[in-house]
All heavy atoms as atom14 arrays in JSON, in Angstrom:
{
  "sequence": "LEDYNIGWFRQAPGKEREGVSCITRSDGRI",
  "atom14_mask": [
    [1, 1, 1, 1, 1, 1, 1, 1, 0, 0, 0, 0, 0, 0],
    [1, 1, 1, 1, 1, 1, 1, 1, 1, 0, 0, 0, 0, 0],
    [1, 1, 1, 1, 1, 1, 1, 1, 0, 0, 0, 0, 0, 0],
    [1, 1, 1, 1, 1, 1, 1, 1, 1, 1, 1, 1, 0, 0],
    [1, 1, 1, 1, 1, 1, 1, 1, 0, 0, 0, 0, 0, 0],
    [1, 1, 1, 1, 1, 1, 1, 1, 0, 0, 0, 0, 0, 0],
    [1, 1, 1, 1, 0, 0, 0, 0, 0, 0, 0, 0, 0, 0],
    [1, 1, 1, 1, 1, 1, 1, 1, 1, 1, 1, 1, 1, 1],
    [1, 1, 1, 1, 1, 1, 1, 1, 1, 1, 1, 0, 0, 0],
    [1, 1, 1, 1, 1, 1, 1, 1, 1, 1, 1, 0, 0, 0],
    [1, 1, 1, 1, 1, 1, 1, 1, 1, 0, 0, 0, 0, 0],
    [1, 1, 1, 1, 1, 0, 0, 0, 0, 0, 0, 0, 0, 0],
    [1, 1, 1, 1, 1, 1, 1, 0, 0, 0, 0, 0, 0, 0],
    [1, 1, 1, 1, 0, 0, 0, 0, 0, 0, 0, 0, 0, 0],
    [1, 1, 1, 1, 1, 1, 1, 1, 1, 0, 0, 0, 0, 0],
    [1, 1, 1, 1, 1, 1, 1, 1, 1, 0, 0, 0, 0, 0],
    [1, 1, 1, 1, 1, 1, 1, 1, 1, 1, 1, 0, 0, 0],
    [1, 1, 1, 1, 1, 1, 1, 1, 1, 0, 0, 0, 0, 0],
    [1, 1, 1, 1, 0, 0, 0, 0, 0, 0, 0, 0, 0, 0],
    [1, 1, 1, 1, 1, 1, 1, 0, 0, 0, 0, 0, 0, 0],
    [1, 1, 1, 1, 1, 1, 0, 0, 0, 0, 0, 0, 0, 0],
    [1, 1, 1, 1, 1, 1, 0, 0, 0, 0, 0, 0, 0, 0],
    [1, 1, 1, 1, 1, 1, 1, 1, 0, 0, 0, 0, 0, 0],
    [1, 1, 1, 1, 1, 1, 1, 0, 0, 0, 0, 0, 0, 0],
    [1, 1, 1, 1, 1, 1, 1, 1, 1, 1, 1, 0, 0, 0],
    [1, 1, 1, 1, 1, 1, 0, 0, 0, 0, 0, 0, 0, 0],
    [1, 1, 1, 1, 1, 1, 1, 1, 0, 0, 0, 0, 0, 0],
    [1, 1, 1, 1, 0, 0, 0, 0, 0, 0, 0, 0, 0, 0],
    [1, 1, 1, 1, 1, 1, 1, 1, 1, 1, 1, 0, 0, 0],
    [1, 1, 1, 1, 1, 1, 1, 1, 0, 0, 0, 0, 0, 0]
  ],
  "atom14_positions": [
    [[-11.88, 0.87, 7.3], [-10.85, 0.94, 6.27], [-11.24, 1.86, 5.13], [-10.38, 2.47, 4.5], [-10.55, -0.45, 5.72], [-9.56, -1.3, 6.51], [-9.34, -2.63, 5.81], [-8.25, -0.58, 6.7], [0.0, 0.0, 0.0], [0.0, 0.0, 0.0], [0.0, 0.0, 0.0], [0.0, 0.0, 0.0], [0.0, 0.0, 0.0], [0.0, 0.0, 0.0]],
    [[-12.51, 1.98, 4.85], [-12.95, 2.81, 3.74], [-12.68, 4.3, 3.98], [-12.79, 5.1, 3.06], [-14.43, 2.58, 3.46], [-14.7, 1.25, 2.78], [-16.14, 1.11, 2.31], [-17.04, 1.51, 3.04], [-16.33, 0.6, 1.18], [0.0, 0.0, 0.0], [0.0, 0.0, 0.0], [0.0, 0.0, 0.0], [0.0, 0.0, 0.0], [0.0, 0.0, 0.0]],
    [[-12.34, 4.67, 5.2], [-11.99, 6.06, 5.5], [-10.52, 6.36, 5.25], [-10.09, 7.5, 5.42], [-12.31, 6.37, 6.97], [-13.8, 6.37, 7.24], [-14.59, 6.57, 6.3], [-14.18, 6.16, 8.41], [0.0, 0.0, 0.0], [0.0, 0.0, 0.0], [0.0, 0.0, 0.0], [0.0, 0.0, 0.0], [0.0, 0.0, 0.0], [0.0, 0.0, 0.0]],
    [[-9.77, 5.33, 4.86], [-8.33, 5.47, 4.72], [-7.85, 4.99, 3.35], [-8.47, 4.11, 2.75], [-7.61, 4.63, 5.78], [-7.77, 5.17, 7.18], [-8.94, 4.98, 7.89], [-6.72, 5.86, 7.8], [-9.09, 5.48, 9.17], [-6.86, 6.35, 9.09], [-8.05, 6.16, 9.76], [-8.18, 6.65, 11.03], [0.0, 0.0, 0.0], [0.0, 0.0, 0.0]],
    [[-6.76, 5.57, 2.89], [-6.02, 4.94, 1.8], [-5.28, 3.74, 2.39], [-4.76, 3.8, 3.51], [-5.0, 5.91, 1.21], [-5.63, 7.08, 0.5], [-6.82, 7.07, 0.18], [-4.84, 8.11, 0.26], [0.0, 0.0, 0.0], [0.0, 0.0, 0.0], [0.0, 0.0, 0.0], [0.0, 0.0, 0.0], [0.0, 0.0, 0.0], [0.0, 0.0, 0.0]],
    [[-5.22, 2.66, 1.64], [-4.59, 1.44, 2.12], [-3.44, 1.06, 1.2], [-3.57, 1.11, -0.02], [-5.6, 0.28, 2.18], [-6.79, 0.67, 3.06], [-4.92, -0.99, 2.7], [-6.43, 0.99, 4.48], [0.0, 0.0, 0.0], [0.0, 0.0, 0.0], [0.0, 0.0, 0.0], [0.0, 0.0, 0.0], [0.0, 0.0, 0.0], [0.0, 0.0, 0.0]],
    [[-2.34, 0.68, 1.81], [-1.19, 0.26, 1.04], [-0.71, -1.12, 1.46], [-0.92, -1.54, 2.6], [0.0, 0.0, 0.0], [0.0, 0.0, 0.0], [0.0, 0.0, 0.0], [0.0, 0.0, 0.0], [0.0, 0.0, 0.0], [0.0, 0.0, 0.0], [0.0, 0.0, 0.0], [0.0, 0.0, 0.0], [0.0, 0.0, 0.0], [0.0, 0.0, 0.0]],
    [[-0.11, -1.81, 0.5], [0.58, -3.07, 0.79], [2.07, -2.85, 0.55], [2.46, -2.29, -0.48], [0.09, -4.2, -0.12], [-1.22, -4.79, 0.28], [-2.45, -4.52, -0.24], [-1.43, -5.79, 1.28], [-3.41, -5.28, 0.38], [-2.8, -6.07, 1.32], [-0.58, -6.48, 2.15], [-3.37, -7.0, 2.19], [-1.14, -7.42, 3.02], [-2.51, -7.66, 3.04]],
    [[2.86, -3.3, 1.49], [4.31, -3.19, 1.42], [4.93, -4.57, 1.64], [4.28, -5.46, 2.18], [4.82, -2.22, 2.5], [4.35, -0.81, 2.3], [3.08, -0.42, 2.7], [5.17, 0.13, 1.71], [2.64, 0.88, 2.51], [4.75, 1.43, 1.52], [3.47, 1.81, 1.92], [0.0, 0.0, 0.0], [0.0, 0.0, 0.0], [0.0, 0.0, 0.0]],
    [[6.17, -4.7, 1.25], [6.88, -5.94, 1.53], [8.33, -5.64, 1.84], [8.88, -4.63, 1.39], [6.77, -6.92, 0.36], [7.49, -6.48, -0.92], [7.19, -7.48, -2.03], [7.86, -7.11, -3.28], [7.67, -7.75, -4.43], [6.84, -8.78, -4.49], [8.33, -7.37, -5.5], [0.0, 0.0, 0.0], [0.0, 0.0, 0.0], [0.0, 0.0, 0.0]],
    [[8.92, -6.54, 2.62], [10.33, -6.4, 2.94], [10.97, -7.77, 2.98], [10.56, -8.64, 3.75], [10.53, -5.69, 4.28], [11.98, -5.34, 4.55], [12.14, -4.29, 5.63], [11.27, -4.08, 6.46], [13.29, -3.6, 5.61], [0.0, 0.0, 0.0], [0.0, 0.0, 0.0], [0.0, 0.0, 0.0], [0.0, 0.0, 0.0], [0.0, 0.0, 0.0]],
    [[11.95, -7.94, 2.12], [12.72, -9.18, 2.07], [13.97, -9.01, 2.93], [14.43, -7.89, 3.15], [13.1, -9.5, 0.63], [0.0, 0.0, 0.0], [0.0, 0.0, 0.0], [0.0, 0.0, 0.0], [0.0, 0.0, 0.0], [0.0, 0.0, 0.0], [0.0, 0.0, 0.0], [0.0, 0.0, 0.0], [0.0, 0.0, 0.0], [0.0, 0.0, 0.0]],
    [[14.53, -10.12, 3.41], [15.73, -10.03, 4.24], [16.85, -9.28, 3.54], [17.16, -9.56, 2.37], [16.1, -11.49, 4.48], [14.82, -12.23, 4.33], [14.06, -11.5, 3.27], [0.0, 0.0, 0.0], [0.0, 0.0, 0.0], [0.0, 0.0, 0.0], [0.0, 0.0, 0.0], [0.0, 0.0, 0.0], [0.0, 0.0, 0.0], [0.0, 0.0, 0.0]],
    [[17.43, -8.31, 4.22], [18.55, -7.56, 3.67], [18.17, -6.51, 2.64], [19.05, -5.89, 2.05], [0.0, 0.0, 0.0], [0.0, 0.0, 0.0], [0.0, 0.0, 0.0], [0.0, 0.0, 0.0], [0.0, 0.0, 0.0], [0.0, 0.0, 0.0], [0.0, 0.0, 0.0], [0.0, 0.0, 0.0], [0.0, 0.0, 0.0], [0.0, 0.0, 0.0]],
    [[16.88, -6.34, 2.43], [16.43, -5.35, 1.42], [15.57, -4.28, 2.07], [15.0, -4.48, 3.14], [15.65, -6.05, 0.31], [16.48, -7.0, -0.52], [15.7, -7.49, -1.72], [16.56, -8.38, -2.61], [15.8, -8.84, -3.81], [0.0, 0.0, 0.0], [0.0, 0.0, 0.0], [0.0, 0.0, 0.0], [0.0, 0.0, 0.0], [0.0, 0.0, 0.0]],
    [[15.45, -3.16, 1.38], [14.6, -2.09, 1.87], [13.13, -2.43, 1.65], [12.78, -3.23, 0.77], [14.94, -0.78, 1.15], [16.3, -0.23, 1.5], [16.52, 1.16, 0.94], [15.66, 1.65, 0.2], [17.58, 1.74, 1.23], [0.0, 0.0, 0.0], [0.0, 0.0, 0.0], [0.0, 0.0, 0.0], [0.0, 0.0, 0.0], [0.0, 0.0, 0.0]],
    [[12.29, -1.82, 2.46], [10.85, -2.0, 2.3], [10.41, -1.43, 0.95], [10.85, -0.37, 0.53], [10.12, -1.3, 3.44], [8.61, -1.47, 3.43], [8.01, -0.88, 4.68], [8.36, 0.51, 4.83], [8.21, 1.19, 5.96], [7.75, 0.58, 7.04], [8.53, 2.47, 6.03], [0.0, 0.0, 0.0], [0.0, 0.0, 0.0], [0.0, 0.0, 0.0]],
    [[9.52, -2.17, 0.29], [9.03, -1.78, -1.04], [7.52, -1.59, -0.98], [6.81, -2.45, -0.46], [9.39, -2.85, -2.07], [8.84, -2.57, -3.46], [9.06, -3.72, -4.42], [9.34, -4.85, -3.97], [8.94, -3.51, -5.64], [0.0, 0.0, 0.0], [0.0, 0.0, 0.0], [0.0, 0.0, 0.0], [0.0, 0.0, 0.0], [0.0, 0.0, 0.0]],
    [[7.05, -0.49, -1.53], [5.62, -0.29, -1.67], [5.11, -1.08, -2.85], [5.53, -0.83, -3.98], [0.0, 0.0, 0.0], [0.0, 0.0, 0.0], [0.0, 0.0, 0.0], [0.0, 0.0, 0.0], [0.0, 0.0, 0.0], [0.0, 0.0, 0.0], [0.0, 0.0, 0.0], [0.0, 0.0, 0.0], [0.0, 0.0, 0.0], [0.0, 0.0, 0.0]],
    [[4.22, -2.02, -2.62], [3.75, -2.93, -3.66], [2.54, -2.35, -4.38], [2.48, -2.35, -5.61], [3.4, -4.29, -3.04], [2.75, -5.2, -4.06], [4.65, -4.94, -2.45], [0.0, 0.0, 0.0], [0.0, 0.0, 0.0], [0.0, 0.0, 0.0], [0.0, 0.0, 0.0], [0.0, 0.0, 0.0], [0.0, 0.0, 0.0], [0.0, 0.0, 0.0]],
    [[1.58, -1.87, -3.61], [0.34, -1.38, -4.2], [-0.39, -0.53, -3.19], [-0.14, -0.62, -1.99], [-0.55, -2.57, -4.62], [-1.75, -2.11, -5.22], [0.0, 0.0, 0.0], [0.0, 0.0, 0.0], [0.0, 0.0, 0.0], [0.0, 0.0, 0.0], [0.0, 0.0, 0.0], [0.0, 0.0, 0.0], [0.0, 0.0, 0.0], [0.0, 0.0, 0.0]],
    [[-1.29, 0.32, -3.68], [-2.14, 1.09, -2.77], [-3.45, 1.41, -3.47], [-3.55, 1.36, -4.7], [-1.44, 2.35, -2.28], [-1.08, 3.59, -3.54], [0.0, 0.0, 0.0], [0.0, 0.0, 0.0], [0.0, 0.0, 0.0], [0.0, 0.0, 0.0], [0.0, 0.0, 0.0], [0.0, 0.0, 0.0], [0.0, 0.0, 0.0], [0.0, 0.0, 0.0]],
    [[-4.46, 1.73, -2.65], [-5.79, 2.06, -3.17], [-6.33, 3.23, -2.36], [-6.19, 3.28, -1.14], [-6.72, 0.83, -3.1], [-8.09, 1.13, -3.72], [-6.88, 0.32, -1.66], [-8.94, -0.12, -3.93], [0.0, 0.0, 0.0], [0.0, 0.0, 0.0], [0.0, 0.0, 0.0], [0.0, 0.0, 0.0], [0.0, 0.0, 0.0], [0.0, 0.0, 0.0]],
    [[-6.94, 4.19, -3.07], [-7.43, 5.38, -2.38], [-8.77, 5.12, -1.7], [-9.52, 4.23, -2.07], [-7.61, 6.55, -3.36], [-8.58, 6.17, -4.36], [-6.31, 6.93, -4.02], [0.0, 0.0, 0.0], [0.0, 0.0, 0.0], [0.0, 0.0, 0.0], [0.0, 0.0, 0.0], [0.0, 0.0, 0.0], [0.0, 0.0, 0.0], [0.0, 0.0, 0.0]],
    [[-9.02, 5.97, -0.72], [-10.28, 5.89, 0.01], [-11.45, 6.29, -0.86], [-12.48, 5.61, -0.88], [-10.21, 6.83, 1.22], [-11.52, 6.94, 1.99], [-11.52, 8.14, 2.89], [-11.61, 9.38, 2.14], [-11.79, 10.56, 2.69], [-11.87, 10.68, 4.0], [-11.88, 11.65, 1.96], [0.0, 0.0, 0.0], [0.0, 0.0, 0.0], [0.0, 0.0, 0.0]],
    [[-11.3, 7.39, -1.57], [-12.45, 8.05, -2.16], [-12.98, 7.34, -3.4], [-14.16, 7.03, -3.49], [-12.1, 9.49, -2.51], [-10.98, 9.53, -3.38], [0.0, 0.0, 0.0], [0.0, 0.0, 0.0], [0.0, 0.0, 0.0], [0.0, 0.0, 0.0], [0.0, 0.0, 0.0], [0.0, 0.0, 0.0], [0.0, 0.0, 0.0], [0.0, 0.0, 0.0]],
    [[-12.11, 7.07, -4.36], [-12.58, 6.59, -5.65], [-11.88, 5.32, -6.1], [-12.03, 4.91, -7.25], [-12.42, 7.67, -6.71], [-10.99, 8.18, -6.81], [-10.12, 7.63, -6.1], [-10.75, 9.12, -7.59], [0.0, 0.0, 0.0], [0.0, 0.0, 0.0], [0.0, 0.0, 0.0], [0.0, 0.0, 0.0], [0.0, 0.0, 0.0], [0.0, 0.0, 0.0]],
    [[-11.14, 4.7, -5.21], [-10.53, 3.43, -5.55], [-9.43, 3.5, -6.57], [-9.18, 2.51, -7.28], [0.0, 0.0, 0.0], [0.0, 0.0, 0.0], [0.0, 0.0, 0.0], [0.0, 0.0, 0.0], [0.0, 0.0, 0.0], [0.0, 0.0, 0.0], [0.0, 0.0, 0.0], [0.0, 0.0, 0.0], [0.0, 0.0, 0.0], [0.0, 0.0, 0.0]],
    [[-8.78, 4.67, -6.73], [-7.62, 4.73, -7.61], [-6.55, 3.78, -7.06], [-6.34, 3.7, -5.86], [-7.07, 6.15, -7.7], [-7.85, 7.07, -8.61], [-7.36, 8.48, -8.47], [-7.77, 9.05, -7.19], [-7.23, 10.14, -6.66], [-6.23, 10.75, -7.26], [-7.68, 10.6, -5.5], [0.0, 0.0, 0.0], [0.0, 0.0, 0.0], [0.0, 0.0, 0.0]],
    [[-5.9, 3.11, -7.98], [-4.95, 2.07, -7.6], [-3.59, 2.36, -8.22], [-3.5, 2.88, -9.32], [-5.48, 0.69, -8.06], [-6.7, 0.3, -7.22], [-4.4, -0.38, -7.98], [-7.41, -0.95, -7.72], [0.0, 0.0, 0.0], [0.0, 0.0, 0.0], [0.0, 0.0, 0.0], [0.0, 0.0, 0.0], [0.0, 0.0, 0.0], [0.0, 0.0, 0.0]]
  ]
}
């Protein structure tokens, strides 16, 4: 996982997917 940027997403019924948070591989920018 440390080789990748990681994101968390969510999707509620009847709604579009939402990007909740993400963190970079290199320096942990959030």
